[in-house]
Amino acid sequence: MFVGNTKDMPKIDMTPGGAKGAWKQVAVGPEQGWEDYVMRIITLEANGNSPAHRHDWPHINYVISGQGTLMIADKEYTIGAGDCAYVPSNEDHCFTNTGENPLEFICIVPIRGEA
């Protein structure tokens, strides 16, 4: 069993991976008892983005707050609080914050996706 709060979770800078104004917090994963998946909280500052990239695992996303766009396979979607998305394996994708406030979203990946 695990109960936690994001204010107590370390912020991991994602800019070395090519992101701009981005960090993640690992909320639930193997250390908390979830052996196969990892739930992360991703935050993109104003004008922040993930790099356009692809990988061999899918992920599930839920937008907590803010507004932005999600590009999947050359199609752009407007996203905001309450929206969810499934990004399939091996599809190019990119998140971009288009608002003035942080874009925060949950990102769930298989354990191999958390490096």
PDB file of N, CA and C in Angstrom:
ATOM      1  N   MET A   1       0.852  -1.178   0.000  1.00  0.00           N
ATOM      2  CA  MET A   1       0.000   0.000   0.000  1.00  0.00           C
ATOM      3  C   MET A   1       0.889   1.229   0.000  1.00  0.00           C
ATOM      4  N   PHE A   2       0.421   2.270  -0.712  1.00  0.00           N
ATOM      5  CA  PHE A   2       1.171   3.521  -0.778  1.00  0.00           C
ATOM      6  C   PHE A   2       0.198   4.677  -0.917  1.00  0.00           C
ATOM      7  N   VAL A   3       0.419   5.736  -0.179  1.00  0.00           N
ATOM      8  CA  VAL A   3      -0.305   6.993  -0.316  1.00  0.00           C
ATOM      9  C   VAL A   3       0.741   8.095  -0.259  1.00  0.00           C
ATOM     10  N   GLY A   4       0.742   8.990  -1.228  1.00  0.00           N
ATOM     11  CA  GLY A   4       1.741  10.047  -1.261  1.00  0.00           C
ATOM     12  C   GLY A   4       1.179  11.329  -1.844  1.00  0.00           C
ATOM     13  N   ASN A   5       2.007  12.362  -1.843  1.00  0.00           N
ATOM     14  CA  ASN A   5       1.623  13.667  -2.369  1.00  0.00           C
ATOM     15  C   ASN A   5       2.757  14.177  -3.250  1.00  0.00           C
ATOM     16  N   THR A   6       2.416  14.816  -4.356  1.00  0.00           N
ATOM     17  CA  THR A   6       3.437  15.281  -5.294  1.00  0.00           C
ATOM     18  C   THR A   6       4.416  16.264  -4.656  1.00  0.00           C
ATOM     19  N   LYS A   7       3.984  17.002  -3.641  1.00  0.00           N
ATOM     20  CA  LYS A   7       4.910  17.951  -3.009  1.00  0.00           C
ATOM     21  C   LYS A   7       6.074  17.241  -2.335  1.00  0.00           C
ATOM     22  N   ASP A   8       5.924  15.945  -2.071  1.00  0.00           N
ATOM     23  CA  ASP A   8       6.976  15.166  -1.431  1.00  0.00           C
ATOM     24  C   ASP A   8       7.790  14.324  -2.426  1.00  0.00           C
ATOM     25  N   MET A   9       7.472  14.416  -3.717  1.00  0.00           N
ATOM     26  CA  MET A   9       8.142  13.603  -4.739  1.00  0.00           C
ATOM     27  C   MET A   9       9.229  14.423  -5.429  1.00  0.00           C
ATOM     28  N   PRO A  10      10.432  13.880  -5.579  1.00  0.00           N
ATOM     29  CA  PRO A  10      11.503  14.615  -6.259  1.00  0.00           C
ATOM     30  C   PRO A  10      11.104  14.995  -7.686  1.00  0.00           C
ATOM     31  N   LYS A  11      11.562  16.175  -8.114  1.00  0.00           N
ATOM     32  CA  LYS A  11      11.349  16.630  -9.487  1.00  0.00           C
ATOM     33  C   LYS A  11      12.592  16.280 -10.297  1.00  0.00           C
ATOM     34  N   ILE A  12      12.377  15.523 -11.370  1.00  0.00           N
ATOM     35  CA  ILE A  12      13.476  15.065 -12.219  1.00  0.00           C
ATOM     36  C   ILE A  12      13.460  15.890 -13.505  1.00  0.00           C
ATOM     37  N   ASP A  13      14.539  16.618 -13.740  1.00  0.00           N
ATOM     38  CA  ASP A  13      14.671  17.466 -14.915  1.00  0.00           C
ATOM     39  C   ASP A  13      14.689  16.598 -16.174  1.00  0.00           C
ATOM     40  N   MET A  14      13.837  16.933 -17.143  1.00  0.00           N
ATOM     41  CA  MET A  14      13.766  16.153 -18.382  1.00  0.00           C
ATOM     42  C   MET A  14      14.500  16.828 -19.541  1.00  0.00           C
ATOM     43  N   THR A  15      15.117  18.003 -19.302  1.00  0.00           N
ATOM     44  CA  THR A  15      15.782  18.696 -20.404  1.00  0.00           C
ATOM     45  C   THR A  15      16.987  17.943 -20.968  1.00  0.00           C
ATOM     46  N   PRO A  16      17.725  17.132 -20.166  1.00  0.00           N
ATOM     47  CA  PRO A  16      18.816  16.370 -20.780  1.00  0.00           C
ATOM     48  C   PRO A  16      18.325  15.396 -21.864  1.00  0.00           C
ATOM     49  N   GLY A  17      17.053  15.023 -21.841  1.00  0.00           N
ATOM     50  CA  GLY A  17      16.484  14.140 -22.854  1.00  0.00           C
ATOM     51  C   GLY A  17      15.925  14.878 -24.053  1.00  0.00           C
ATOM     52  N   GLY A  18      16.121  16.201 -24.104  1.00  0.00           N
ATOM     53  CA  GLY A  18      15.656  16.982 -25.243  1.00  0.00           C
ATOM     54  C   GLY A  18      14.386  17.766 -25.003  1.00  0.00           C
ATOM     55  N   ALA A  19      13.797  17.656 -23.815  1.00  0.00           N
ATOM     56  CA  ALA A  19      12.593  18.424 -23.494  1.00  0.00           C
ATOM     57  C   ALA A  19      12.981  19.867 -23.158  1.00  0.00           C
ATOM     58  N   LYS A  20      12.005  20.750 -23.169  1.00  0.00           N
ATOM     59  CA  LYS A  20      12.214  22.156 -22.812  1.00  0.00           C
ATOM     60  C   LYS A  20      11.251  22.500 -21.683  1.00  0.00           C
ATOM     61  N   GLY A  21      11.765  23.024 -20.570  1.00  0.00           N
ATOM     62  CA  GLY A  21      10.916  23.438 -19.455  1.00  0.00           C
ATOM     63  C   GLY A  21      10.069  22.311 -18.917  1.00  0.00           C
ATOM     64  N   ALA A  22      10.683  21.127 -18.714  1.00  0.00           N
ATOM     65  CA  ALA A  22       9.910  19.940 -18.337  1.00  0.00           C
ATOM     66  C   ALA A  22      10.565  19.191 -17.187  1.00  0.00           C
ATOM     67  N   TRP A  23       9.713  18.648 -16.322  1.00  0.00           N
ATOM     68  CA  TRP A  23      10.191  17.727 -15.291  1.00  0.00           C
ATOM     69  C   TRP A  23       9.142  16.678 -15.036  1.00  0.00           C
ATOM     70  N   LYS A  24       9.588  15.590 -14.408  1.00  0.00           N
ATOM     71  CA  LYS A  24       8.662  14.512 -14.062  1.00  0.00           C
ATOM     72  C   LYS A  24       8.844  14.156 -12.598  1.00  0.00           C
ATOM     73  N   GLN A  25       7.788  13.584 -12.073  1.00  0.00           N
ATOM     74  CA  GLN A  25       7.800  13.040 -10.726  1.00  0.00           C
ATOM     75  C   GLN A  25       7.246  11.628 -10.811  1.00  0.00           C
ATOM     76  N   VAL A  26       7.967  10.663 -10.254  1.00  0.00           N
ATOM     77  CA  VAL A  26       7.486   9.293 -10.247  1.00  0.00           C
ATOM     78  C   VAL A  26       6.535   9.156  -9.066  1.00  0.00           C
ATOM     79  N   ALA A  27       5.266   8.923  -9.373  1.00  0.00           N
ATOM     80  CA  ALA A  27       4.237   8.842  -8.331  1.00  0.00           C
ATOM     81  C   ALA A  27       4.084   7.415  -7.809  1.00  0.00           C
ATOM     82  N   VAL A  28       3.921   6.461  -8.721  1.00  0.00           N
ATOM     83  CA  VAL A  28       3.731   5.060  -8.326  1.00  0.00           C
ATOM     84  C   VAL A  28       4.486   4.175  -9.309  1.00  0.00           C
ATOM     85  N   GLY A  29       5.284   3.286  -8.767  1.00  0.00           N
ATOM     86  CA  GLY A  29       6.053   2.346  -9.570  1.00  0.00           C
ATOM     87  C   GLY A  29       6.486   1.182  -8.699  1.00  0.00           C
ATOM     88  N   PRO A  30       7.529   0.480  -9.099  1.00  0.00           N
ATOM     89  CA  PRO A  30       7.982  -0.679  -8.324  1.00  0.00           C
ATOM     90  C   PRO A  30       8.309  -0.360  -6.860  1.00  0.00           C
ATOM     91  N   GLU A  31       8.905   0.801  -6.592  1.00  0.00           N
ATOM     92  CA  GLU A  31       9.226   1.150  -5.200  1.00  0.00           C
ATOM     93  C   GLU A  31       7.973   1.279  -4.328  1.00  0.00           C
ATOM     94  N   GLN A  32       6.839   1.577  -4.965  1.00  0.00           N
ATOM     95  CA  GLN A  32       5.583   1.709  -4.224  1.00  0.00           C
ATOM     96  C   GLN A  32       4.729   0.447  -4.333  1.00  0.00           C
ATOM     97  N   GLY A  33       5.227  -0.576  -5.055  1.00  0.00           N
ATOM     98  CA  GLY A  33       4.512  -1.835  -5.135  1.00  0.00           C
ATOM     99  C   GLY A  33       3.875  -2.164  -6.473  1.00  0.00           C
ATOM    100  N   TRP A  34       3.962  -1.258  -7.467  1.00  0.00           N
ATOM    101  CA  TRP A  34       3.386  -1.537  -8.782  1.00  0.00           C
ATOM    102  C   TRP A  34       4.506  -2.052  -9.674  1.00  0.00           C
ATOM    103  N   GLU A  35       4.606  -3.334  -9.814  1.00  0.00           N
ATOM    104  CA  GLU A  35       5.751  -3.975 -10.446  1.00  0.00           C
ATOM    105  C   GLU A  35       5.840  -3.785 -11.961  1.00  0.00           C
ATOM    106  N   ASP A  36       4.726  -3.711 -12.667  1.00  0.00           N
ATOM    107  CA  ASP A  36       4.749  -3.728 -14.130  1.00  0.00           C
ATOM    108  C   ASP A  36       4.650  -2.367 -14.809  1.00  0.00           C
ATOM    109  N   TYR A  37       4.199  -1.345 -14.094  1.00  0.00           N
ATOM    110  CA  TYR A  37       3.960  -0.032 -14.695  1.00  0.00           C
ATOM    111  C   TYR A  37       4.483   1.076 -13.791  1.00  0.00           C
ATOM    112  N   VAL A  38       4.583   2.266 -14.379  1.00  0.00           N
ATOM    113  CA  VAL A  38       4.995   3.440 -13.631  1.00  0.00           C
ATOM    114  C   VAL A  38       4.035   4.573 -13.965  1.00  0.00           C
ATOM    115  N   MET A  39       3.521   5.218 -12.931  1.00  0.00           N
ATOM    116  CA  MET A  39       2.685   6.417 -13.097  1.00  0.00           C
ATOM    117  C   MET A  39       3.547   7.615 -12.762  1.00  0.00           C
ATOM    118  N   ARG A  40       3.684   8.501 -13.753  1.00  0.00           N
ATOM    119  CA  ARG A  40       4.490   9.703 -13.572  1.00  0.00           C
ATOM    120  C   ARG A  40       3.615  10.933 -13.715  1.00  0.00           C
ATOM    121  N   ILE A  41       4.000  11.993 -13.047  1.00  0.00           N
ATOM    122  CA  ILE A  41       3.377  13.293 -13.230  1.00  0.00           C
ATOM    123  C   ILE A  41       4.374  14.119 -14.035  1.00  0.00           C
ATOM    124  N   ILE A  42       3.959  14.567 -15.204  1.00  0.00           N
ATOM    125  CA  ILE A  42       4.814  15.378 -16.064  1.00  0.00           C
ATOM    126  C   ILE A  42       4.331  16.819 -15.990  1.00  0.00           C
ATOM    127  N   THR A  43       5.265  17.751 -15.857  1.00  0.00           N
ATOM    128  CA  THR A  43       4.930  19.175 -15.844  1.00  0.00           C
ATOM    129  C   THR A  43       5.722  19.869 -16.937  1.00  0.00           C
ATOM    130  N   LEU A  44       5.016  20.606 -17.785  1.00  0.00           N
ATOM    131  CA  LEU A  44       5.639  21.434 -18.807  1.00  0.00           C
ATOM    132  C   LEU A  44       5.353  22.889 -18.462  1.00  0.00           C
ATOM    133  N   GLU A  45       6.401  23.676 -18.288  1.00  0.00           N
ATOM    134  CA  GLU A  45       6.235  25.091 -18.010  1.00  0.00           C
ATOM    135  C   GLU A  45       5.681  25.794 -19.253  1.00  0.00           C
ATOM    136  N   ALA A  46       5.277  27.063 -19.114  1.00  0.00           N
ATOM    137  CA  ALA A  46       4.819  27.842 -20.267  1.00  0.00           C
ATOM    138  C   ALA A  46       5.880  27.756 -21.365  1.00  0.00           C
ATOM    139  N   ASN A  47       5.452  27.491 -22.586  1.00  0.00           N
ATOM    140  CA  ASN A  47       6.318  27.307 -23.756  1.00  0.00           C
ATOM    141  C   ASN A  47       7.178  26.046 -23.682  1.00  0.00           C
ATOM    142  N   GLY A  48       6.915  25.181 -22.726  1.00  0.00           N
ATOM    143  CA  GLY A  48       7.676  23.945 -22.599  1.00  0.00           C
ATOM    144  C   GLY A  48       7.135  22.867 -23.516  1.00  0.00           C
ATOM    145  N   ASN A  49       7.963  21.863 -23.781  1.00  0.00           N
ATOM    146  CA  ASN A  49       7.531  20.755 -24.627  1.00  0.00           C
ATOM    147  C   ASN A  49       8.403  19.529 -24.402  1.00  0.00           C
ATOM    148  N   SER A  50       7.841  18.387 -24.767  1.00  0.00           N
ATOM    149  CA  SER A  50       8.645  17.176 -24.860  1.00  0.00           C
ATOM    150  C   SER A  50       9.237  17.173 -26.264  1.00  0.00           C
ATOM    151  N   PRO A  51      10.315  16.439 -26.480  1.00  0.00           N
ATOM    152  CA  PRO A  51      10.802  16.345 -27.856  1.00  0.00           C
ATOM    153  C   PRO A  51       9.861  15.457 -28.667  1.00  0.00           C
ATOM    154  N   ALA A  52       9.820  15.663 -29.969  1.00  0.00           N
ATOM    155  CA  ALA A  52       9.099  14.717 -30.823  1.00  0.00           C
ATOM    156  C   ALA A  52       9.895  13.424 -30.787  1.00  0.00           C
ATOM    157  N   HIS A  53       9.242  12.338 -30.441  1.00  0.00           N
ATOM    158  CA  HIS A  53       9.959  11.078 -30.278  1.00  0.00           C
ATOM    159  C   HIS A  53       9.012   9.903 -30.458  1.00  0.00           C
ATOM    160  N   ARG A  54       9.585   8.704 -30.472  1.00  0.00           N
ATOM    161  CA  ARG A  54       8.812   7.467 -30.532  1.00  0.00           C
ATOM    162  C   ARG A  54       9.556   6.419 -29.730  1.00  0.00           C
ATOM    163  N   HIS A  55       8.835   5.394 -29.296  1.00  0.00           N
ATOM    164  CA  HIS A  55       9.430   4.284 -28.563  1.00  0.00           C
ATOM    165  C   HIS A  55       8.536   3.068 -28.716  1.00  0.00           C
ATOM    166  N   ASP A  56       9.039   1.921 -28.286  1.00  0.00           N
ATOM    167  CA  ASP A  56       8.309   0.674 -28.527  1.00  0.00           C
ATOM    168  C   ASP A  56       7.346   0.294 -27.404  1.00  0.00           C
ATOM    169  N   TRP A  57       6.875   1.270 -26.663  1.00  0.00           N
ATOM    170  CA  TRP A  57       5.847   1.006 -25.655  1.00  0.00           C
ATOM    171  C   TRP A  57       4.762   2.070 -25.766  1.00  0.00           C
ATOM    172  N   PRO A  58       3.545   1.720 -25.407  1.00  0.00           N
ATOM    173  CA  PRO A  58       2.454   2.700 -25.399  1.00  0.00           C
ATOM    174  C   PRO A  58       2.459   3.467 -24.085  1.00  0.00           C
ATOM    175  N   HIS A  59       1.716   4.543 -24.040  1.00  0.00           N
ATOM    176  CA  HIS A  59       1.445   5.172 -22.755  1.00  0.00           C
ATOM    177  C   HIS A  59       0.069   5.787 -22.722  1.00  0.00           C
ATOM    178  N   ILE A  60      -0.408   5.934 -21.506  1.00  0.00           N
ATOM    179  CA  ILE A  60      -1.734   6.488 -21.233  1.00  0.00           C
ATOM    180  C   ILE A  60      -1.515   7.815 -20.528  1.00  0.00           C
ATOM    181  N   ASN A  61      -2.276   8.839 -20.929  1.00  0.00           N
ATOM    182  CA  ASN A  61      -2.126  10.160 -20.341  1.00  0.00           C
ATOM    183  C   ASN A  61      -3.461  10.721 -19.886  1.00  0.00           C
ATOM    184  N   TYR A  62      -3.412  11.481 -18.796  1.00  0.00           N
ATOM    185  CA  TYR A  62      -4.582  12.198 -18.289  1.00  0.00           C
ATOM    186  C   TYR A  62      -4.124  13.598 -17.895  1.00  0.00           C
ATOM    187  N   VAL A  63      -4.756  14.628 -18.464  1.00  0.00           N
ATOM    188  CA  VAL A  63      -4.363  16.008 -18.194  1.00  0.00           C
ATOM    189  C   VAL A  63      -4.999  16.474 -16.887  1.00  0.00           C
ATOM    190  N   ILE A  64      -4.138  16.893 -15.965  1.00  0.00           N
ATOM    191  CA  ILE A  64      -4.573  17.393 -14.659  1.00  0.00           C
ATOM    192  C   ILE A  64      -4.940  18.866 -14.744  1.00  0.00           C
ATOM    193  N   SER A  65      -4.056  19.661 -15.360  1.00  0.00           N
ATOM    194  CA  SER A  65      -4.297  21.108 -15.448  1.00  0.00           C
ATOM    195  C   SER A  65      -3.510  21.690 -16.613  1.00  0.00           C
ATOM    196  N   GLY A  66      -3.914  22.875 -17.018  1.00  0.00           N
ATOM    197  CA  GLY A  66      -3.240  23.581 -18.100  1.00  0.00           C
ATOM    198  C   GLY A  66      -3.855  23.263 -19.447  1.00  0.00           C
ATOM    199  N   GLN A  67      -3.173  23.762 -20.480  1.00  0.00           N
ATOM    200  CA  GLN A  67      -3.641  23.528 -21.845  1.00  0.00           C
ATOM    201  C   GLN A  67      -2.438  23.371 -22.763  1.00  0.00           C
ATOM    202  N   GLY A  68      -2.657  22.637 -23.831  1.00  0.00           N
ATOM    203  CA  GLY A  68      -1.559  22.415 -24.759  1.00  0.00           C
ATOM    204  C   GLY A  68      -2.005  21.647 -25.971  1.00  0.00           C
ATOM    205  N   THR A  69      -1.021  21.073 -26.627  1.00  0.00           N
ATOM    206  CA  THR A  69      -1.290  20.224 -27.781  1.00  0.00           C
ATOM    207  C   THR A  69      -0.540  18.909 -27.611  1.00  0.00           C
ATOM    208  N   LEU A  70      -1.112  17.888 -28.206  1.00  0.00           N
ATOM    209  CA  LEU A  70      -0.480  16.587 -28.291  1.00  0.00           C
ATOM    210  C   LEU A  70      -0.462  16.204 -29.759  1.00  0.00           C
ATOM    211  N   MET A  71       0.735  16.036 -30.299  1.00  0.00           N
ATOM    212  CA  MET A  71       0.881  15.598 -31.680  1.00  0.00           C
ATOM    213  C   MET A  71       1.114  14.089 -31.640  1.00  0.00           C
ATOM    214  N   ILE A  72       0.289  13.365 -32.381  1.00  0.00           N
ATOM    215  CA  ILE A  72       0.472  11.915 -32.540  1.00  0.00           C
ATOM    216  C   ILE A  72       0.423  11.619 -34.030  1.00  0.00           C
ATOM    217  N   ALA A  73       1.504  11.066 -34.560  1.00  0.00           N
ATOM    218  CA  ALA A  73       1.561  10.663 -35.973  1.00  0.00           C
ATOM    219  C   ALA A  73       1.098  11.775 -36.906  1.00  0.00           C
ATOM    220  N   ASP A  74       1.665  12.958 -36.736  1.00  0.00           N
ATOM    221  CA  ASP A  74       1.387  14.119 -37.596  1.00  0.00           C
ATOM    222  C   ASP A  74      -0.010  14.701 -37.463  1.00  0.00           C
ATOM    223  N   LYS A  75      -0.781  14.285 -36.462  1.00  0.00           N
ATOM    224  CA  LYS A  75      -2.084  14.894 -36.189  1.00  0.00           C
ATOM    225  C   LYS A  75      -2.000  15.581 -34.833  1.00  0.00           C
ATOM    226  N   GLU A  76      -2.424  16.848 -34.792  1.00  0.00           N
ATOM    227  CA  GLU A  76      -2.330  17.629 -33.561  1.00  0.00           C
ATOM    228  C   GLU A  76      -3.693  17.711 -32.880  1.00  0.00           C
ATOM    229  N   TYR A  77      -3.691  17.458 -31.571  1.00  0.00           N
ATOM    230  CA  TYR A  77      -4.903  17.517 -30.763  1.00  0.00           C
ATOM    231  C   TYR A  77      -4.735  18.588 -29.699  1.00  0.00           C
ATOM    232  N   THR A  78      -5.780  19.361 -29.467  1.00  0.00           N
ATOM    233  CA  THR A  78      -5.791  20.318 -28.367  1.00  0.00           C
ATOM    234  C   THR A  78      -6.154  19.556 -27.106  1.00  0.00           C
ATOM    235  N   ILE A  79      -5.382  19.781 -26.026  1.00  0.00           N
ATOM    236  CA  ILE A  79      -5.632  19.074 -24.769  1.00  0.00           C
ATOM    237  C   ILE A  79      -5.741  20.064 -23.617  1.00  0.00           C
ATOM    238  N   GLY A  80      -6.527  19.687 -22.623  1.00  0.00           N
ATOM    239  CA  GLY A  80      -6.693  20.501 -21.426  1.00  0.00           C
ATOM    240  C   GLY A  80      -7.186  19.637 -20.283  1.00  0.00           C
ATOM    241  N   ALA A  81      -7.361  20.255 -19.137  1.00  0.00           N
ATOM    242  CA  ALA A  81      -7.761  19.542 -17.925  1.00  0.00           C
ATOM    243  C   ALA A  81      -8.948  18.619 -18.201  1.00  0.00           C
ATOM    244  N   GLY A  82      -8.809  17.371 -17.769  1.00  0.00           N
ATOM    245  CA  GLY A  82      -9.861  16.381 -17.939  1.00  0.00           C
ATOM    246  C   GLY A  82      -9.733  15.524 -19.182  1.00  0.00           C
ATOM    247  N   ASP A  83      -8.847  15.900 -20.109  1.00  0.00           N
ATOM    248  CA  ASP A  83      -8.665  15.105 -21.324  1.00  0.00           C
ATOM    249  C   ASP A  83      -7.762  13.911 -21.048  1.00  0.00           C
ATOM    250  N   CYS A  84      -7.967  12.855 -21.818  1.00  0.00           N
ATOM    251  CA  CYS A  84      -7.107  11.680 -21.718  1.00  0.00           C
ATOM    252  C   CYS A  84      -6.697  11.264 -23.123  1.00  0.00           C
ATOM    253  N   ALA A  85      -5.589  10.522 -23.195  1.00  0.00           N
ATOM    254  CA  ALA A  85      -5.081  10.088 -24.491  1.00  0.00           C
ATOM    255  C   ALA A  85      -4.351   8.766 -24.343  1.00  0.00           C
ATOM    256  N   TYR A  86      -4.411   7.980 -25.397  1.00  0.00           N
ATOM    257  CA  TYR A  86      -3.622   6.754 -25.506  1.00  0.00           C
ATOM    258  C   TYR A  86      -2.665   6.956 -26.666  1.00  0.00           C
ATOM    259  N   VAL A  87      -1.376   6.847 -26.403  1.00  0.00           N
ATOM    260  CA  VAL A  87      -0.361   6.972 -27.441  1.00  0.00           C
ATOM    261  C   VAL A  87       0.158   5.560 -27.733  1.00  0.00           C
ATOM    262  N   PRO A  88      -0.105   5.035 -28.931  1.00  0.00           N
ATOM    263  CA  PRO A  88       0.330   3.673 -29.263  1.00  0.00           C
ATOM    264  C   PRO A  88       1.852   3.553 -29.370  1.00  0.00           C
ATOM    265  N   SER A  89       2.334   2.344 -29.296  1.00  0.00           N
ATOM    266  CA  SER A  89       3.755   2.064 -29.510  1.00  0.00           C
ATOM    267  C   SER A  89       4.180   2.533 -30.893  1.00  0.00           C
ATOM    268  N   ASN A  90       5.418   2.984 -30.987  1.00  0.00           N
ATOM    269  CA  ASN A  90       6.062   3.326 -32.260  1.00  0.00           C
ATOM    270  C   ASN A  90       5.381   4.426 -33.059  1.00  0.00           C
ATOM    271  N   GLU A  91       4.658   5.311 -32.398  1.00  0.00           N
ATOM    272  CA  GLU A  91       4.069   6.486 -33.054  1.00  0.00           C
ATOM    273  C   GLU A  91       4.842   7.730 -32.631  1.00  0.00           C
ATOM    274  N   ASP A  92       5.213   8.573 -33.585  1.00  0.00           N
ATOM    275  CA  ASP A  92       5.824   9.847 -33.238  1.00  0.00           C
ATOM    276  C   ASP A  92       4.827  10.646 -32.416  1.00  0.00           C
ATOM    277  N   HIS A  93       5.314  11.301 -31.355  1.00  0.00           N
ATOM    278  CA  HIS A  93       4.416  12.115 -30.529  1.00  0.00           C
ATOM    279  C   HIS A  93       5.201  13.197 -29.800  1.00  0.00           C
ATOM    280  N   CYS A  94       4.472  14.242 -29.403  1.00  0.00           N
ATOM    281  CA  CYS A  94       5.078  15.389 -28.730  1.00  0.00           C
ATOM    282  C   CYS A  94       3.997  16.144 -27.966  1.00  0.00           C
ATOM    283  N   PHE A  95       4.296  16.526 -26.731  1.00  0.00           N
ATOM    284  CA  PHE A  95       3.419  17.375 -25.920  1.00  0.00           C
ATOM    285  C   PHE A  95       3.994  18.784 -25.907  1.00  0.00           C
ATOM    286  N   THR A  96       3.127  19.796 -26.041  1.00  0.00           N
ATOM    287  CA  THR A  96       3.553  21.193 -25.992  1.00  0.00           C
ATOM    288  C   THR A  96       2.585  21.983 -25.137  1.00  0.00           C
ATOM    289  N   ASN A  97       3.121  22.810 -24.245  1.00  0.00           N
ATOM    290  CA  ASN A  97       2.288  23.698 -23.440  1.00  0.00           C
ATOM    291  C   ASN A  97       2.015  24.952 -24.260  1.00  0.00           C
ATOM    292  N   THR A  98       0.753  25.249 -24.525  1.00  0.00           N
ATOM    293  CA  THR A  98       0.373  26.435 -25.290  1.00  0.00           C
ATOM    294  C   THR A  98      -0.207  27.530 -24.402  1.00  0.00           C
ATOM    295  N   GLY A  99      -0.264  27.288 -23.093  1.00  0.00           N
ATOM    296  CA  GLY A  99      -0.855  28.247 -22.176  1.00  0.00           C
ATOM    297  C   GLY A  99       0.198  29.013 -21.381  1.00  0.00           C
ATOM    298  N   GLU A 100      -0.284  29.867 -20.502  1.00  0.00           N
ATOM    299  CA  GLU A 100       0.596  30.664 -19.649  1.00  0.00           C
ATOM    300  C   GLU A 100       0.889  29.970 -18.327  1.00  0.00           C
ATOM    301  N   ASN A 101       0.085  28.967 -17.973  1.00  0.00           N
ATOM    302  CA  ASN A 101       0.273  28.217 -16.739  1.00  0.00           C
ATOM    303  C   ASN A 101       0.873  26.851 -17.055  1.00  0.00           C
ATOM    304  N   PRO A 102       1.432  26.166 -16.051  1.00  0.00           N
ATOM    305  CA  PRO A 102       1.989  24.843 -16.307  1.00  0.00           C
ATOM    306  C   PRO A 102       0.943  23.869 -16.858  1.00  0.00           C
ATOM    307  N   LEU A 103       1.386  23.001 -17.753  1.00  0.00           N
ATOM    308  CA  LEU A 103       0.584  21.885 -18.245  1.00  0.00           C
ATOM    309  C   LEU A 103       1.038  20.678 -17.448  1.00  0.00           C
ATOM    310  N   GLU A 104       0.131  20.086 -16.681  1.00  0.00           N
ATOM    311  CA  GLU A 104       0.450  18.926 -15.862  1.00  0.00           C
ATOM    312  C   GLU A 104      -0.386  17.744 -16.314  1.00  0.00           C
ATOM    313  N   PHE A 105       0.265  16.602 -16.488  1.00  0.00           N
ATOM    314  CA  PHE A 105      -0.487  15.421 -16.885  1.00  0.00           C
ATOM    315  C   PHE A 105       0.130  14.159 -16.290  1.00  0.00           C
ATOM    316  N   ILE A 106      -0.726  13.170 -16.111  1.00  0.00           N
ATOM    317  CA  ILE A 106      -0.301  11.846 -15.677  1.00  0.00           C
ATOM    318  C   ILE A 106       0.124  11.075 -16.923  1.00  0.00           C
ATOM    319  N   CYS A 107       1.214  10.349 -16.800  1.00  0.00           N
ATOM    320  CA  CYS A 107       1.708   9.513 -17.889  1.00  0.00           C
ATOM    321  C   CYS A 107       2.011   8.143 -17.308  1.00  0.00           C
ATOM    322  N   ILE A 108       1.304   7.128 -17.785  1.00  0.00           N
ATOM    323  CA  ILE A 108       1.510   5.754 -17.310  1.00  0.00           C
ATOM    324  C   ILE A 108       2.174   4.954 -18.418  1.00  0.00           C
ATOM    325  N   VAL A 109       3.308   4.338 -18.070  1.00  0.00           N
ATOM    326  CA  VAL A 109       4.077   3.545 -19.038  1.00  0.00           C
ATOM    327  C   VAL A 109       4.436   2.188 -18.428  1.00  0.00           C
ATOM    328  N   PRO A 110       4.717   1.190 -19.272  1.00  0.00           N
ATOM    329  CA  PRO A 110       5.259  -0.061 -18.741  1.00  0.00           C
ATOM    330  C   PRO A 110       6.611   0.223 -18.093  1.00  0.00           C
ATOM    331  N   ILE A 111       7.034  -0.631 -17.213  1.00  0.00           N
ATOM    332  CA  ILE A 111       8.285  -0.420 -16.468  1.00  0.00           C
ATOM    333  C   ILE A 111       9.469  -0.147 -17.397  1.00  0.00           C
ATOM    334  N   ARG A 112       9.509  -0.768 -18.566  1.00  0.00           N
ATOM    335  CA  ARG A 112      10.642  -0.549 -19.466  1.00  0.00           C
ATOM    336  C   ARG A 112      10.652   0.873 -20.019  1.00  0.00           C
ATOM    337  N   GLY A 113       9.536   1.590 -19.931  1.00  0.00           N
ATOM    338  CA  GLY A 113       9.451   2.965 -20.399  1.00  0.00           C
ATOM    339  C   GLY A 113       9.961   3.989 -19.406  1.00  0.00           C
ATOM    340  N   GLU A 114      10.238   3.573 -18.203  1.00  0.00           N
ATOM    341  CA  GLU A 114      10.758   4.493 -17.188  1.00  0.00           C
ATOM    342  C   GLU A 114      12.252   4.275 -17.052  1.00  0.00           C
ATOM    343  N   ALA A 115      13.002   5.126 -17.726  1.00  0.00           N
ATOM    344  CA  ALA A 115      14.475   4.989 -17.686  1.00  0.00           C
ATOM    345  C   ALA A 115      15.098   6.143 -16.956  1.00  0.00           C
TER     346      ALA A 115
END
